[in-house]
């Protein structure tokens, strides 16, 4: 489900229904130069390509030269992320020592959009 130009109450209500039923949810909007985007993918599994580190021989011979010329191998790694619902994302407590680090990483635009 993708939402734009919706009220906060509508986004929260629809996201709650989607999250409860395992439906992917995206919302966003733009206000001039400022905008936001939120994604709730629930329990999201995906595969990521990781380059396999090739062992290069210490000596300089035909084996070492061939290893340098061959394309690097990749392995597929399965990963899983747990996304939070919109209500939880908006309920962040911005006071206290734990929030200080997050506050430094958060753009001031976030608070303008709130």
Protein backbone atom coordinates (compact mmCIF):
# COMPACT_ATOMS: atom_id res chain seq x y z
CA UNK A 1 0.00 0.00 0.00
CA UNK A 2 1.36 3.44 -0.96
CA UNK A 3 -0.08 6.63 0.54
CA UNK A 4 0.54 10.29 -0.25
CA UNK A 5 -1.27 13.49 0.77
CA UNK A 6 -2.98 11.78 3.73
CA UNK A 7 -3.66 12.99 7.23
CA UNK A 8 -1.56 11.58 10.07
CA UNK A 9 -4.62 9.78 11.49
CA UNK A 10 -5.30 8.07 8.14
CA UNK A 11 -1.66 6.99 7.79
CA UNK A 12 -1.62 5.55 11.32
CA UNK A 13 -4.91 3.70 10.84
CA UNK A 14 -3.99 2.22 7.43
CA UNK A 15 -0.46 1.30 8.58
CA UNK A 16 -1.90 -0.50 11.61
CA UNK A 17 -4.14 -2.59 9.33
CA UNK A 18 -1.27 -3.31 6.93
CA UNK A 19 1.22 -4.21 9.69
CA UNK A 20 -1.30 -6.52 11.37
CA UNK A 21 -1.95 -8.35 8.08
CA UNK A 22 1.66 -8.53 6.83
CA UNK A 23 1.11 -6.05 3.99
CA UNK A 24 3.98 -3.80 2.91
CA UNK A 25 3.30 -0.09 3.58
CA UNK A 26 4.86 3.09 2.17
CA UNK A 27 3.89 6.69 2.80
CA UNK A 28 5.42 10.01 1.90
CA UNK A 29 4.78 13.59 0.91
CA UNK A 30 6.61 16.67 -0.31
CA UNK A 31 6.20 20.25 0.89
CA UNK A 32 8.26 22.50 -1.39
CA UNK A 33 11.90 21.65 -0.69
CA UNK A 34 11.07 19.36 2.25
CA UNK A 35 9.61 15.90 2.24
CA UNK A 36 9.47 12.56 4.01
CA UNK A 37 9.14 8.87 3.25
CA UNK A 38 8.31 6.00 5.59
CA UNK A 39 8.37 2.27 4.87
CA UNK A 40 6.97 -0.54 7.03
CA UNK A 41 7.89 -3.82 5.38
CA UNK A 42 7.11 -5.91 8.47
CA UNK A 43 9.39 -8.94 8.67
CA UNK A 44 11.35 -8.43 5.44
CA UNK A 45 13.65 -11.16 4.10
CA UNK A 46 16.07 -10.46 1.27
CA UNK A 47 19.27 -11.73 -0.30
CA UNK A 48 22.43 -9.63 -0.50
CA UNK A 49 25.43 -10.24 -2.74
CA UNK A 50 28.73 -10.28 -0.84
CA UNK A 51 32.05 -10.33 -2.70
CA UNK A 52 34.13 -13.34 -1.79
CA UNK A 53 37.66 -12.36 -0.78
CA UNK A 54 40.11 -14.14 -3.06
CA UNK A 55 43.25 -15.51 -1.46
CA UNK A 56 46.25 -14.30 -3.43
CA UNK A 57 49.39 -16.39 -3.34
CA UNK A 58 52.44 -14.70 -1.85
CA UNK A 59 54.75 -15.83 -4.62
CA UNK A 60 54.60 -14.28 -8.06
CA UNK A 61 53.85 -17.11 -10.46
CA UNK A 62 51.23 -18.11 -13.04
CA UNK A 63 48.69 -19.07 -10.31
CA UNK A 64 48.90 -15.63 -8.65
CA UNK A 65 48.58 -13.82 -11.98
CA UNK A 66 45.53 -15.86 -12.96
CA UNK A 67 43.90 -15.16 -9.57
CA UNK A 68 44.33 -11.41 -10.13
CA UNK A 69 42.79 -11.58 -13.63
CA UNK A 70 39.73 -13.70 -12.78
CA UNK A 71 36.54 -11.81 -11.88
CA UNK A 72 35.81 -11.79 -8.14
CA UNK A 73 33.36 -14.40 -6.90
CA UNK A 74 30.27 -13.40 -4.97
CA UNK A 75 28.20 -15.29 -2.44
CA UNK A 76 24.54 -14.76 -1.65
CA UNK A 77 23.73 -14.00 1.99
CA UNK A 78 20.14 -14.21 3.25
CA UNK A 79 19.18 -11.40 5.65
CA UNK A 80 16.08 -10.44 7.59
CA UNK A 81 15.00 -7.04 8.92
CA UNK A 82 12.10 -6.26 11.25
CA UNK A 83 10.43 -2.91 10.43
CA UNK A 84 8.41 -1.04 13.04
CA UNK A 85 4.93 0.40 12.55
CA UNK A 86 4.49 4.13 11.95
CA UNK A 87 3.02 4.66 15.43
CA UNK A 88 6.23 3.33 17.04
CA UNK A 89 8.44 5.43 14.75
CA UNK A 90 6.54 8.60 15.69
CA UNK A 91 6.64 7.79 19.41
CA UNK A 92 10.41 8.27 19.75
CA UNK A 93 11.35 9.99 23.03
CA UNK A 94 13.73 12.84 22.23
CA UNK A 95 14.78 13.55 25.83
CA UNK A 96 17.53 11.75 27.73
CA UNK A 97 21.06 10.56 27.09
CA UNK A 98 20.11 7.75 24.67
CA UNK A 99 18.28 10.19 22.41
CA UNK A 100 21.23 12.57 22.26
CA UNK A 101 23.11 10.44 19.69
CA UNK A 102 19.97 9.99 17.57
CA UNK A 103 19.27 13.71 17.83
CA UNK A 104 22.67 14.52 16.33
CA UNK A 105 21.97 12.22 13.35
CA UNK A 106 18.46 13.59 12.74
CA UNK A 107 18.04 16.38 10.22
CA UNK A 108 16.26 19.50 11.56
CA UNK A 109 13.74 19.05 8.72
CA UNK A 110 12.29 16.09 10.63
CA UNK A 111 11.06 18.39 13.36
CA UNK A 112 9.69 20.92 10.85
CA UNK A 113 7.61 18.16 9.25
CA UNK A 114 6.27 17.09 12.65
